[in-house]
Amino acid sequence: MIRSMRPIRRGWRGWLVSRPLGIGALDKQGARHMFVVVADELGGEVTARYSYGPSGQIYNPGNLVSLTGTGTPTDLDDRDAWLSLADGGLEGVDFVLIDAPDDAVMIAGAHVNAVLGTPDRPGTTSYAPVTGPITRRTAGNSNSAAIAVANAARTAAGVEGGQPLPEGGVRAPGHGQADHIPVNQGAIDGAYERLAVTGSRIRRRPEN
């Protein structure tokens, strides 16, 4: 496994973004929802976005799934939160760079997407609005998934330590349960190593 590579700055960067939940008691307590974006600049054209949430409704949330491009409130609110950063950001929207190359972030994001599935074809990870040390290991939430993407990308790139949180992401329930997402780190490492050895690039298609 390649461990000497450091992030290569080629224009695209990976960001971990947090925003207010916008609904419910947790929002009033200052809790944050997080997602991951790869783009050329803050609030700029999106190369890839990784947004996660429940497959069902609030009273029957179902499983944790990828919601990017679904047109759900989570998907649209994440889109708007990101776009707002071009002009300084909406209130409560914060961010931090992911210290890994953009390719590593997208490989990790694609892997987590495949593991969690979509609302129509969910994986096996249950959705839990609030998770903690006593939450069963088969449950997680959007913050668990976003941190799982960032951590997996950092690990693949040989960056030690876990992903720091955005300033507003300090109250991000579930971020400490990223290990509840059934990531196959070996598969991510292998895909990134093959990409690094060949020197090829992941094809980029702008998305919302």
N, C-alpha and C. Protein backbone atom coordinates (compact mmCIF):
# COMPACT_ATOMS: atom_id res chain seq x y z
N MET A 1 0.83 -1.19 0.00
CA MET A 1 0.00 0.00 0.00
C MET A 1 0.87 1.25 0.00
N ILE A 2 0.52 2.23 -0.79
CA ILE A 2 1.30 3.46 -0.86
C ILE A 2 1.02 4.30 0.37
N ARG A 3 2.05 4.67 1.10
CA ARG A 3 1.87 5.44 2.32
C ARG A 3 2.66 6.74 2.31
N SER A 4 3.43 6.99 1.27
CA SER A 4 4.25 8.19 1.24
C SER A 4 3.60 9.32 0.47
N MET A 5 2.47 9.03 -0.15
CA MET A 5 1.82 10.06 -0.96
C MET A 5 1.14 11.09 -0.07
N ARG A 6 1.29 12.35 -0.40
CA ARG A 6 0.59 13.43 0.27
C ARG A 6 -0.44 13.99 -0.69
N PRO A 7 -1.43 14.73 -0.19
CA PRO A 7 -2.43 15.29 -1.08
C PRO A 7 -1.82 16.10 -2.22
N ILE A 8 -2.29 15.85 -3.42
CA ILE A 8 -1.80 16.57 -4.60
C ILE A 8 -2.83 17.63 -4.96
N ARG A 9 -2.44 18.89 -4.92
CA ARG A 9 -3.38 19.98 -5.15
C ARG A 9 -3.42 20.31 -6.64
N ARG A 10 -4.50 19.89 -7.30
CA ARG A 10 -4.60 20.08 -8.75
C ARG A 10 -5.84 20.87 -9.12
N GLY A 11 -6.40 21.58 -8.18
CA GLY A 11 -7.59 22.36 -8.46
C GLY A 11 -8.81 21.84 -7.75
N TRP A 12 -9.02 20.51 -7.75
CA TRP A 12 -10.16 19.94 -7.05
C TRP A 12 -9.78 19.63 -5.61
N ARG A 13 -10.70 19.90 -4.71
CA ARG A 13 -10.46 19.65 -3.30
C ARG A 13 -11.68 18.94 -2.71
N GLY A 14 -11.47 18.26 -1.61
CA GLY A 14 -12.57 17.63 -0.89
C GLY A 14 -12.86 18.41 0.38
N TRP A 15 -14.12 18.71 0.63
CA TRP A 15 -14.53 19.44 1.82
C TRP A 15 -15.56 18.64 2.61
N LEU A 16 -15.45 18.70 3.93
CA LEU A 16 -16.49 18.22 4.82
C LEU A 16 -17.27 19.45 5.25
N VAL A 17 -18.56 19.45 4.96
CA VAL A 17 -19.41 20.63 5.19
C VAL A 17 -20.48 20.29 6.23
N SER A 18 -20.76 21.24 7.11
CA SER A 18 -21.84 21.05 8.08
C SER A 18 -22.85 22.18 7.94
N ARG A 19 -24.09 21.85 8.25
CA ARG A 19 -25.17 22.85 8.23
C ARG A 19 -26.16 22.51 9.33
N PRO A 20 -27.00 23.49 9.71
CA PRO A 20 -28.05 23.19 10.69
C PRO A 20 -29.00 22.14 10.15
N LEU A 21 -29.55 21.34 11.06
CA LEU A 21 -30.52 20.33 10.64
C LEU A 21 -31.77 20.95 10.03
N GLY A 22 -32.19 22.07 10.61
CA GLY A 22 -33.33 22.78 10.05
C GLY A 22 -34.69 22.31 10.54
N ILE A 23 -34.72 21.28 11.38
CA ILE A 23 -36.00 20.77 11.86
C ILE A 23 -35.78 19.97 13.15
N GLY A 24 -36.77 20.00 14.03
CA GLY A 24 -36.76 19.14 15.20
C GLY A 24 -35.98 19.66 16.39
N ALA A 25 -36.06 18.89 17.47
CA ALA A 25 -35.44 19.28 18.73
C ALA A 25 -33.92 19.34 18.63
N LEU A 26 -33.34 18.43 17.85
CA LEU A 26 -31.88 18.43 17.72
C LEU A 26 -31.38 19.71 17.07
N ASP A 27 -32.16 20.24 16.14
CA ASP A 27 -31.77 21.50 15.50
C ASP A 27 -31.75 22.63 16.53
N LYS A 28 -32.74 22.66 17.40
CA LYS A 28 -32.81 23.71 18.42
C LYS A 28 -31.65 23.59 19.41
N GLN A 29 -31.09 22.40 19.52
CA GLN A 29 -29.94 22.18 20.40
C GLN A 29 -28.61 22.46 19.70
N GLY A 30 -28.68 22.90 18.46
CA GLY A 30 -27.46 23.24 17.73
C GLY A 30 -26.79 22.09 17.02
N ALA A 31 -27.50 20.99 16.86
CA ALA A 31 -26.91 19.83 16.17
C ALA A 31 -26.73 20.14 14.69
N ARG A 32 -25.75 19.50 14.09
CA ARG A 32 -25.41 19.73 12.69
C ARG A 32 -25.48 18.44 11.88
N HIS A 33 -25.76 18.63 10.59
CA HIS A 33 -25.76 17.56 9.59
C HIS A 33 -24.54 17.80 8.70
N MET A 34 -23.82 16.74 8.35
CA MET A 34 -22.61 16.89 7.54
C MET A 34 -22.70 16.11 6.23
N PHE A 35 -21.99 16.63 5.24
CA PHE A 35 -21.88 15.96 3.94
C PHE A 35 -20.53 16.31 3.33
N VAL A 36 -20.19 15.65 2.24
CA VAL A 36 -18.87 15.80 1.61
C VAL A 36 -19.05 16.29 0.18
N VAL A 37 -18.17 17.22 -0.21
CA VAL A 37 -18.19 17.76 -1.57
C VAL A 37 -16.78 17.77 -2.15
N VAL A 38 -16.68 17.43 -3.42
CA VAL A 38 -15.45 17.63 -4.19
C VAL A 38 -15.74 18.68 -5.25
N ALA A 39 -14.95 19.75 -5.26
CA ALA A 39 -15.17 20.85 -6.20
C ALA A 39 -13.88 21.61 -6.40
N ASP A 40 -13.90 22.56 -7.32
CA ASP A 40 -12.70 23.32 -7.62
C ASP A 40 -12.50 24.48 -6.66
N GLU A 41 -13.58 24.93 -6.02
CA GLU A 41 -13.49 26.03 -5.06
C GLU A 41 -14.74 26.02 -4.18
N LEU A 42 -14.68 26.72 -3.07
CA LEU A 42 -15.83 26.78 -2.16
C LEU A 42 -17.05 27.33 -2.88
N GLY A 43 -18.15 26.61 -2.81
CA GLY A 43 -19.38 27.05 -3.45
C GLY A 43 -19.36 26.94 -4.95
N GLY A 44 -18.29 26.34 -5.51
CA GLY A 44 -18.15 26.25 -6.96
C GLY A 44 -18.83 25.03 -7.56
N GLU A 45 -18.55 24.83 -8.84
CA GLU A 45 -19.15 23.71 -9.56
C GLU A 45 -18.77 22.40 -8.89
N VAL A 46 -19.77 21.59 -8.62
CA VAL A 46 -19.57 20.35 -7.87
C VAL A 46 -19.16 19.22 -8.80
N THR A 47 -18.04 18.60 -8.47
CA THR A 47 -17.61 17.40 -9.19
C THR A 47 -18.30 16.16 -8.61
N ALA A 48 -18.40 16.13 -7.29
CA ALA A 48 -19.08 15.02 -6.61
C ALA A 48 -19.58 15.51 -5.26
N ARG A 49 -20.75 15.03 -4.87
CA ARG A 49 -21.28 15.34 -3.54
C ARG A 49 -21.77 14.04 -2.93
N TYR A 50 -21.53 13.89 -1.63
CA TYR A 50 -21.92 12.68 -0.90
C TYR A 50 -22.80 13.09 0.27
N SER A 51 -24.10 12.94 0.06
CA SER A 51 -25.11 13.31 1.05
C SER A 51 -25.86 12.05 1.48
N TYR A 52 -26.09 11.92 2.78
CA TYR A 52 -26.70 10.71 3.31
C TYR A 52 -27.84 11.05 4.25
N GLY A 53 -28.74 10.09 4.41
CA GLY A 53 -29.88 10.28 5.31
C GLY A 53 -30.77 9.05 5.30
N PRO A 54 -31.95 9.17 5.88
CA PRO A 54 -32.84 8.01 5.99
C PRO A 54 -33.55 7.68 4.68
N SER A 55 -33.82 6.40 4.49
CA SER A 55 -34.54 5.98 3.29
C SER A 55 -36.03 6.25 3.41
N GLY A 56 -36.53 6.40 4.65
CA GLY A 56 -37.95 6.61 4.87
C GLY A 56 -38.26 7.97 5.46
N GLN A 57 -39.41 8.05 6.11
CA GLN A 57 -39.86 9.30 6.70
C GLN A 57 -39.48 9.36 8.18
N ILE A 58 -39.77 10.49 8.79
CA ILE A 58 -39.29 10.75 10.15
C ILE A 58 -39.77 9.70 11.16
N TYR A 59 -41.00 9.20 11.00
CA TYR A 59 -41.52 8.24 11.97
C TYR A 59 -41.17 6.80 11.61
N ASN A 60 -40.65 6.60 10.42
CA ASN A 60 -40.21 5.27 9.98
C ASN A 60 -39.00 5.47 9.08
N PRO A 61 -37.84 5.83 9.67
CA PRO A 61 -36.70 6.26 8.86
C PRO A 61 -36.06 5.19 8.01
N GLY A 62 -36.23 3.93 8.38
CA GLY A 62 -35.67 2.86 7.56
C GLY A 62 -34.16 2.76 7.68
N ASN A 63 -33.49 2.73 6.53
CA ASN A 63 -32.04 2.54 6.50
C ASN A 63 -31.31 3.82 6.13
N LEU A 64 -30.02 3.84 6.44
CA LEU A 64 -29.15 4.95 6.05
C LEU A 64 -28.73 4.73 4.61
N VAL A 65 -28.97 5.73 3.75
CA VAL A 65 -28.71 5.58 2.31
C VAL A 65 -28.10 6.85 1.73
N SER A 66 -27.60 6.74 0.51
CA SER A 66 -27.15 7.90 -0.25
C SER A 66 -28.37 8.66 -0.78
N LEU A 67 -28.37 9.99 -0.58
CA LEU A 67 -29.50 10.80 -1.03
C LEU A 67 -29.11 11.80 -2.10
N THR A 68 -27.87 11.79 -2.55
CA THR A 68 -27.44 12.75 -3.57
C THR A 68 -28.24 12.57 -4.85
N GLY A 69 -28.81 13.68 -5.33
CA GLY A 69 -29.57 13.65 -6.57
C GLY A 69 -30.98 13.11 -6.47
N THR A 70 -31.46 12.87 -5.24
CA THR A 70 -32.80 12.30 -5.08
C THR A 70 -33.90 13.35 -5.04
N GLY A 71 -33.52 14.62 -4.87
CA GLY A 71 -34.52 15.68 -4.76
C GLY A 71 -35.22 15.72 -3.42
N THR A 72 -34.72 14.97 -2.45
CA THR A 72 -35.28 14.99 -1.10
C THR A 72 -34.85 16.28 -0.40
N PRO A 73 -35.52 16.65 0.70
CA PRO A 73 -35.10 17.85 1.42
C PRO A 73 -33.63 17.84 1.82
N THR A 74 -33.12 16.69 2.26
CA THR A 74 -31.70 16.60 2.61
C THR A 74 -30.82 16.91 1.42
N ASP A 75 -31.13 16.32 0.30
CA ASP A 75 -30.35 16.53 -0.93
C ASP A 75 -30.37 18.00 -1.32
N LEU A 76 -31.54 18.61 -1.34
CA LEU A 76 -31.67 20.00 -1.78
C LEU A 76 -31.05 20.97 -0.78
N ASP A 77 -31.22 20.70 0.51
CA ASP A 77 -30.63 21.58 1.53
C ASP A 77 -29.10 21.51 1.49
N ASP A 78 -28.55 20.32 1.24
CA ASP A 78 -27.10 20.20 1.11
C ASP A 78 -26.62 20.98 -0.12
N ARG A 79 -27.32 20.85 -1.20
CA ARG A 79 -26.96 21.60 -2.41
C ARG A 79 -26.93 23.10 -2.14
N ASP A 80 -27.99 23.60 -1.51
CA ASP A 80 -28.09 25.03 -1.25
C ASP A 80 -27.03 25.50 -0.25
N ALA A 81 -26.76 24.67 0.76
CA ALA A 81 -25.73 25.03 1.74
C ALA A 81 -24.38 25.17 1.05
N TRP A 82 -24.06 24.23 0.16
CA TRP A 82 -22.79 24.31 -0.55
C TRP A 82 -22.72 25.56 -1.42
N LEU A 83 -23.75 25.80 -2.22
CA LEU A 83 -23.75 26.96 -3.12
C LEU A 83 -23.62 28.26 -2.34
N SER A 84 -24.15 28.30 -1.13
CA SER A 84 -24.10 29.54 -0.34
C SER A 84 -22.66 29.92 0.04
N LEU A 85 -21.76 28.93 0.07
CA LEU A 85 -20.39 29.20 0.47
C LEU A 85 -19.65 30.05 -0.55
N ALA A 86 -20.19 30.18 -1.75
CA ALA A 86 -19.59 31.07 -2.75
C ALA A 86 -19.69 32.52 -2.30
N ASP A 87 -20.67 32.82 -1.45
CA ASP A 87 -20.88 34.18 -0.95
C ASP A 87 -20.75 34.25 0.56
N GLY A 88 -19.92 33.41 1.14
CA GLY A 88 -19.68 33.46 2.57
C GLY A 88 -20.45 32.46 3.39
N GLY A 89 -21.48 31.84 2.81
CA GLY A 89 -22.22 30.79 3.50
C GLY A 89 -23.44 31.26 4.25
N LEU A 90 -24.48 30.44 4.24
CA LEU A 90 -25.66 30.70 5.05
C LEU A 90 -25.30 30.58 6.52
N GLU A 91 -26.13 31.13 7.38
CA GLU A 91 -25.86 31.06 8.82
C GLU A 91 -25.77 29.60 9.26
N GLY A 92 -24.71 29.28 9.98
CA GLY A 92 -24.55 27.93 10.50
C GLY A 92 -23.88 26.96 9.56
N VAL A 93 -23.52 27.39 8.34
CA VAL A 93 -22.83 26.51 7.40
C VAL A 93 -21.33 26.68 7.58
N ASP A 94 -20.65 25.60 7.88
CA ASP A 94 -19.20 25.62 8.11
C ASP A 94 -18.55 24.50 7.31
N PHE A 95 -17.24 24.54 7.23
CA PHE A 95 -16.53 23.56 6.41
C PHE A 95 -15.11 23.37 6.92
N VAL A 96 -14.51 22.27 6.48
CA VAL A 96 -13.10 22.01 6.72
C VAL A 96 -12.60 21.15 5.56
N LEU A 97 -11.38 21.39 5.15
CA LEU A 97 -10.81 20.58 4.07
C LEU A 97 -10.54 19.15 4.54
N ILE A 98 -10.69 18.22 3.62
CA ILE A 98 -10.30 16.84 3.86
C ILE A 98 -8.87 16.69 3.36
N ASP A 99 -7.97 16.31 4.24
CA ASP A 99 -6.55 16.24 3.90
C ASP A 99 -6.25 14.95 3.15
N ALA A 100 -6.76 14.90 1.93
CA ALA A 100 -6.54 13.75 1.05
C ALA A 100 -6.80 14.22 -0.37
N PRO A 101 -6.16 13.59 -1.35
CA PRO A 101 -6.41 13.96 -2.74
C PRO A 101 -7.87 13.76 -3.12
N ASP A 102 -8.31 14.55 -4.08
CA ASP A 102 -9.71 14.46 -4.52
C ASP A 102 -10.05 13.07 -5.02
N ASP A 103 -9.11 12.40 -5.71
CA ASP A 103 -9.38 11.04 -6.19
C ASP A 103 -9.67 10.09 -5.03
N ALA A 104 -8.90 10.22 -3.95
CA ALA A 104 -9.12 9.35 -2.79
C ALA A 104 -10.49 9.60 -2.18
N VAL A 105 -10.90 10.87 -2.13
CA VAL A 105 -12.22 11.20 -1.58
C VAL A 105 -13.32 10.59 -2.44
N MET A 106 -13.17 10.66 -3.76
CA MET A 106 -14.22 10.13 -4.64
C MET A 106 -14.25 8.61 -4.64
N ILE A 107 -13.10 7.98 -4.52
CA ILE A 107 -13.10 6.52 -4.41
C ILE A 107 -13.79 6.10 -3.12
N ALA A 108 -13.46 6.78 -2.01
CA ALA A 108 -14.10 6.46 -0.73
C ALA A 108 -15.59 6.73 -0.78
N GLY A 109 -15.98 7.87 -1.37
CA GLY A 109 -17.40 8.21 -1.46
C GLY A 109 -18.19 7.22 -2.29
N ALA A 110 -17.61 6.80 -3.40
CA ALA A 110 -18.30 5.82 -4.25
C ALA A 110 -18.46 4.49 -3.52
N HIS A 111 -17.46 4.14 -2.73
CA HIS A 111 -17.53 2.89 -1.96
C HIS A 111 -18.63 2.96 -0.90
N VAL A 112 -18.67 4.07 -0.15
CA VAL A 112 -19.70 4.21 0.88
C VAL A 112 -21.09 4.25 0.24
N ASN A 113 -21.22 4.92 -0.90
CA ASN A 113 -22.50 4.92 -1.61
C ASN A 113 -22.94 3.50 -1.94
N ALA A 114 -22.01 2.70 -2.44
CA ALA A 114 -22.34 1.33 -2.83
C ALA A 114 -22.74 0.49 -1.63
N VAL A 115 -22.07 0.71 -0.51
CA VAL A 115 -22.36 -0.05 0.71
C VAL A 115 -23.73 0.32 1.27
N LEU A 116 -24.05 1.61 1.28
CA LEU A 116 -25.30 2.07 1.89
C LEU A 116 -26.50 1.96 0.96
N GLY A 117 -26.28 2.06 -0.33
CA GLY A 117 -27.38 1.94 -1.28
C GLY A 117 -28.18 3.22 -1.42
N THR A 118 -29.36 3.09 -2.00
CA THR A 118 -30.25 4.20 -2.30
C THR A 118 -31.61 3.95 -1.65
N PRO A 119 -32.49 4.96 -1.65
CA PRO A 119 -33.82 4.72 -1.08
C PRO A 119 -34.55 3.54 -1.72
N ASP A 120 -34.36 3.34 -3.01
CA ASP A 120 -35.02 2.23 -3.70
C ASP A 120 -34.33 0.89 -3.46
N ARG A 121 -33.01 0.96 -3.23
CA ARG A 121 -32.25 -0.27 -3.01
C ARG A 121 -31.28 -0.05 -1.85
N PRO A 122 -31.82 -0.01 -0.62
CA PRO A 122 -30.97 0.28 0.54
C PRO A 122 -30.06 -0.89 0.90
N GLY A 123 -28.98 -0.53 1.60
CA GLY A 123 -28.09 -1.55 2.14
C GLY A 123 -28.64 -2.07 3.46
N THR A 124 -27.74 -2.48 4.33
CA THR A 124 -28.16 -3.14 5.58
C THR A 124 -27.93 -2.28 6.82
N THR A 125 -27.48 -1.03 6.64
CA THR A 125 -27.22 -0.16 7.79
C THR A 125 -28.49 0.59 8.18
N SER A 126 -28.97 0.37 9.38
CA SER A 126 -30.17 1.05 9.85
C SER A 126 -29.88 2.53 10.11
N TYR A 127 -30.92 3.35 9.99
CA TYR A 127 -30.76 4.78 10.27
C TYR A 127 -31.12 5.06 11.72
N ALA A 128 -30.26 5.80 12.40
CA ALA A 128 -30.51 6.22 13.78
C ALA A 128 -30.24 7.72 13.87
N PRO A 129 -31.26 8.55 14.17
CA PRO A 129 -31.06 10.00 14.22
C PRO A 129 -29.94 10.40 15.16
N VAL A 130 -29.86 9.73 16.30
CA VAL A 130 -28.79 9.99 17.26
C VAL A 130 -28.08 8.68 17.54
N THR A 131 -26.78 8.67 17.41
CA THR A 131 -26.02 7.46 17.71
C THR A 131 -24.97 7.76 18.77
N GLY A 132 -24.54 6.73 19.45
CA GLY A 132 -23.53 6.88 20.48
C GLY A 132 -22.87 5.55 20.73
N PRO A 133 -22.03 5.48 21.74
CA PRO A 133 -21.29 4.24 22.02
C PRO A 133 -22.18 3.03 22.25
N ILE A 134 -23.42 3.26 22.73
CA ILE A 134 -24.28 2.11 23.01
C ILE A 134 -25.19 1.75 21.83
N THR A 135 -25.15 2.57 20.76
CA THR A 135 -25.96 2.27 19.59
C THR A 135 -25.45 1.00 18.92
N ARG A 136 -26.37 0.16 18.45
CA ARG A 136 -25.92 -1.07 17.80
C ARG A 136 -25.04 -0.75 16.60
N ARG A 137 -24.08 -1.59 16.33
CA ARG A 137 -23.07 -1.31 15.32
C ARG A 137 -23.58 -1.40 13.90
N THR A 138 -24.83 -1.79 13.74
CA THR A 138 -25.42 -1.83 12.40
C THR A 138 -26.24 -0.59 12.11
N ALA A 139 -26.11 0.45 12.95
CA ALA A 139 -26.89 1.68 12.77
C ALA A 139 -25.97 2.89 12.70
N GLY A 140 -26.37 3.88 11.90
CA GLY A 140 -25.61 5.12 11.78
C GLY A 140 -26.49 6.21 11.19
N ASN A 141 -25.91 7.38 11.00
CA ASN A 141 -26.66 8.48 10.39
C ASN A 141 -25.77 9.22 9.39
N SER A 142 -26.26 10.36 8.91
CA SER A 142 -25.55 11.09 7.86
C SER A 142 -24.15 11.49 8.31
N ASN A 143 -23.99 11.85 9.57
CA ASN A 143 -22.68 12.26 10.06
C ASN A 143 -21.72 11.07 10.14
N SER A 144 -22.25 9.92 10.51
CA SER A 144 -21.43 8.70 10.51
C SER A 144 -20.89 8.43 9.11
N ALA A 145 -21.76 8.56 8.11
CA ALA A 145 -21.38 8.26 6.73
C ALA A 145 -20.40 9.29 6.18
N ALA A 146 -20.64 10.57 6.46
CA ALA A 146 -19.75 11.62 5.94
C ALA A 146 -18.34 11.46 6.51
N ILE A 147 -18.25 11.20 7.81
CA ILE A 147 -16.94 10.99 8.43
C ILE A 147 -16.30 9.70 7.90
N ALA A 148 -17.11 8.68 7.64
CA ALA A 148 -16.57 7.45 7.07
C ALA A 148 -15.91 7.70 5.73
N VAL A 149 -16.52 8.54 4.90
CA VAL A 149 -15.92 8.89 3.61
C VAL A 149 -14.59 9.60 3.81
N ALA A 150 -14.58 10.61 4.68
CA ALA A 150 -13.36 11.39 4.90
C ALA A 150 -12.25 10.54 5.51
N ASN A 151 -12.59 9.74 6.51
CA ASN A 151 -11.58 8.90 7.15
C ASN A 151 -10.99 7.88 6.18
N ALA A 152 -11.86 7.28 5.37
CA ALA A 152 -11.38 6.27 4.42
C ALA A 152 -10.46 6.89 3.38
N ALA A 153 -10.79 8.11 2.94
CA ALA A 153 -9.94 8.81 1.97
C ALA A 153 -8.58 9.12 2.56
N ARG A 154 -8.57 9.61 3.80
CA ARG A 154 -7.31 9.93 4.48
C ARG A 154 -6.45 8.67 4.65
N THR A 155 -7.08 7.59 5.07
CA THR A 155 -6.34 6.35 5.27
C THR A 155 -5.74 5.86 3.96
N ALA A 156 -6.51 5.89 2.89
CA ALA A 156 -6.01 5.44 1.59
C ALA A 156 -4.81 6.26 1.14
N ALA A 157 -4.82 7.55 1.48
CA ALA A 157 -3.73 8.44 1.07
C ALA A 157 -2.56 8.44 2.05
N GLY A 158 -2.66 7.65 3.12
CA GLY A 158 -1.58 7.56 4.08
C GLY A 158 -1.52 8.70 5.06
N VAL A 159 -2.65 9.39 5.26
CA VAL A 159 -2.72 10.50 6.21
C VAL A 159 -3.18 9.94 7.56
N GLU A 160 -2.41 10.15 8.59
CA GLU A 160 -2.72 9.60 9.90
C GLU A 160 -3.79 10.42 10.61
N GLY A 161 -4.54 9.74 11.49
CA GLY A 161 -5.53 10.42 12.32
C GLY A 161 -6.88 10.51 11.65
N GLY A 162 -7.89 10.82 12.48
CA GLY A 162 -9.25 10.95 11.97
C GLY A 162 -9.52 12.33 11.42
N GLN A 163 -10.61 12.45 10.69
CA GLN A 163 -11.00 13.71 10.06
C GLN A 163 -11.46 14.73 11.09
N PRO A 164 -10.84 15.93 11.13
CA PRO A 164 -11.34 16.99 12.00
C PRO A 164 -12.74 17.44 11.57
N LEU A 165 -13.49 17.98 12.51
CA LEU A 165 -14.83 18.47 12.23
C LEU A 165 -14.80 19.95 11.86
N PRO A 166 -15.78 20.39 11.05
CA PRO A 166 -15.95 21.83 10.85
C PRO A 166 -16.28 22.49 12.18
N GLU A 167 -16.12 23.80 12.24
CA GLU A 167 -16.41 24.51 13.49
C GLU A 167 -17.83 24.23 13.96
N GLY A 168 -18.79 24.31 13.05
CA GLY A 168 -20.18 24.06 13.41
C GLY A 168 -20.50 22.59 13.52
N GLY A 169 -19.53 21.73 13.18
CA GLY A 169 -19.79 20.29 13.21
C GLY A 169 -19.45 19.66 14.53
N VAL A 170 -19.05 20.48 15.52
CA VAL A 170 -18.70 19.93 16.83
C VAL A 170 -19.88 19.19 17.42
N ARG A 171 -21.09 19.75 17.26
CA ARG A 171 -22.30 19.06 17.71
C ARG A 171 -22.89 18.33 16.51
N ALA A 172 -22.26 17.23 16.17
CA ALA A 172 -22.69 16.45 15.02
C ALA A 172 -22.95 15.02 15.47
N PRO A 173 -24.13 14.73 15.99
CA PRO A 173 -24.42 13.39 16.50
C PRO A 173 -24.13 12.32 15.46
N GLY A 174 -23.43 11.29 15.88
CA GLY A 174 -23.13 10.19 14.98
C GLY A 174 -21.73 10.23 14.38
N HIS A 175 -21.04 11.37 14.50
CA HIS A 175 -19.73 11.43 13.85
C HIS A 175 -18.74 10.46 14.47
N GLY A 176 -18.94 10.14 15.74
CA GLY A 176 -18.04 9.21 16.41
C GLY A 176 -18.33 7.75 16.10
N GLN A 177 -19.38 7.51 15.32
CA GLN A 177 -19.74 6.14 14.96
C GLN A 177 -19.52 5.88 13.47
N ALA A 178 -18.49 6.51 12.91
CA ALA A 178 -18.16 6.26 11.51
C ALA A 178 -17.82 4.78 11.29
N ASP A 179 -17.33 4.12 12.35
CA ASP A 179 -17.00 2.71 12.21
C ASP A 179 -18.23 1.82 12.14
N HIS A 180 -19.43 2.40 12.29
CA HIS A 180 -20.66 1.64 12.10
C HIS A 180 -20.98 1.46 10.61
N ILE A 181 -20.29 2.22 9.77
CA ILE A 181 -20.48 2.08 8.32
C ILE A 181 -19.56 0.96 7.85
N PRO A 182 -20.10 -0.09 7.23
CA PRO A 182 -19.29 -1.27 6.88
C PRO A 182 -18.36 -1.04 5.70
N VAL A 183 -17.35 -0.21 5.93
CA VAL A 183 -16.39 0.14 4.88
C VAL A 183 -15.35 -0.98 4.74
N ASN A 184 -15.04 -1.33 3.51
CA ASN A 184 -13.95 -2.26 3.22
C ASN A 184 -12.72 -1.40 2.86
N GLN A 185 -11.93 -1.05 3.88
CA GLN A 185 -10.80 -0.16 3.65
C GLN A 185 -9.80 -0.75 2.67
N GLY A 186 -9.64 -2.06 2.70
CA GLY A 186 -8.72 -2.70 1.77
C GLY A 186 -9.11 -2.47 0.32
N ALA A 187 -10.41 -2.50 0.03
CA ALA A 187 -10.87 -2.27 -1.33
C ALA A 187 -10.61 -0.83 -1.76
N ILE A 188 -10.82 0.11 -0.83
CA ILE A 188 -10.57 1.52 -1.13
C ILE A 188 -9.08 1.77 -1.34
N ASP A 189 -8.26 1.22 -0.45
CA ASP A 189 -6.81 1.37 -0.58
C ASP A 189 -6.33 0.82 -1.92
N GLY A 190 -6.84 -0.36 -2.28
CA GLY A 190 -6.42 -0.99 -3.53
C GLY A 190 -6.80 -0.16 -4.74
N ALA A 191 -8.01 0.38 -4.74
CA ALA A 191 -8.46 1.20 -5.87
C ALA A 191 -7.64 2.47 -5.99
N TYR A 192 -7.33 3.08 -4.84
CA TYR A 192 -6.54 4.31 -4.88
C TYR A 192 -5.09 4.02 -5.29
N GLU A 193 -4.54 2.92 -4.82
CA GLU A 193 -3.17 2.56 -5.19
C GLU A 193 -3.07 2.30 -6.68
N ARG A 194 -4.06 1.60 -7.24
CA ARG A 194 -4.03 1.34 -8.69
C ARG A 194 -4.11 2.64 -9.47
N LEU A 195 -4.91 3.58 -8.99
CA LEU A 195 -5.04 4.87 -9.66
C LEU A 195 -3.73 5.65 -9.57
N ALA A 196 -3.10 5.60 -8.40
CA ALA A 196 -1.84 6.32 -8.21
C ALA A 196 -0.73 5.74 -9.07
N VAL A 197 -0.71 4.43 -9.20
CA VAL A 197 0.35 3.77 -9.98
C VAL A 197 0.19 4.06 -11.47
N THR A 198 -1.05 4.03 -11.97
CA THR A 198 -1.28 4.25 -13.40
C THR A 198 -1.21 5.72 -13.76
N GLY A 199 -1.43 6.59 -12.77
CA GLY A 199 -1.40 8.03 -13.04
C GLY A 199 -2.63 8.53 -13.76
N SER A 200 -3.66 7.70 -13.84
CA SER A 200 -4.89 8.11 -14.51
C SER A 200 -5.73 8.96 -13.58
N ARG A 201 -6.83 9.48 -14.11
CA ARG A 201 -7.70 10.34 -13.34
C ARG A 201 -9.12 9.78 -13.35
N ILE A 202 -9.85 10.03 -12.30
CA ILE A 202 -11.26 9.66 -12.29
C ILE A 202 -12.00 10.63 -13.19
N ARG A 203 -12.85 10.10 -14.04
CA ARG A 203 -13.62 10.96 -14.94
C ARG A 203 -14.55 11.85 -14.13
N ARG A 204 -14.57 13.14 -14.48
CA ARG A 204 -15.36 14.10 -13.70
C ARG A 204 -16.52 14.63 -14.53
N ARG A 205 -17.70 14.51 -13.98
CA ARG A 205 -18.89 15.07 -14.59
C ARG A 205 -19.55 15.96 -13.54
N PRO A 206 -19.67 17.27 -13.84
CA PRO A 206 -20.28 18.15 -12.84
C PRO A 206 -21.67 17.66 -12.46
N GLU A 207 -22.00 17.81 -11.17
CA GLU A 207 -23.32 17.43 -10.69
C GLU A 207 -23.78 18.49 -9.71
N ASN A 208 -25.02 18.37 -9.26
CA ASN A 208 -25.56 19.36 -8.33
C ASN A 208 -25.01 19.13 -6.94
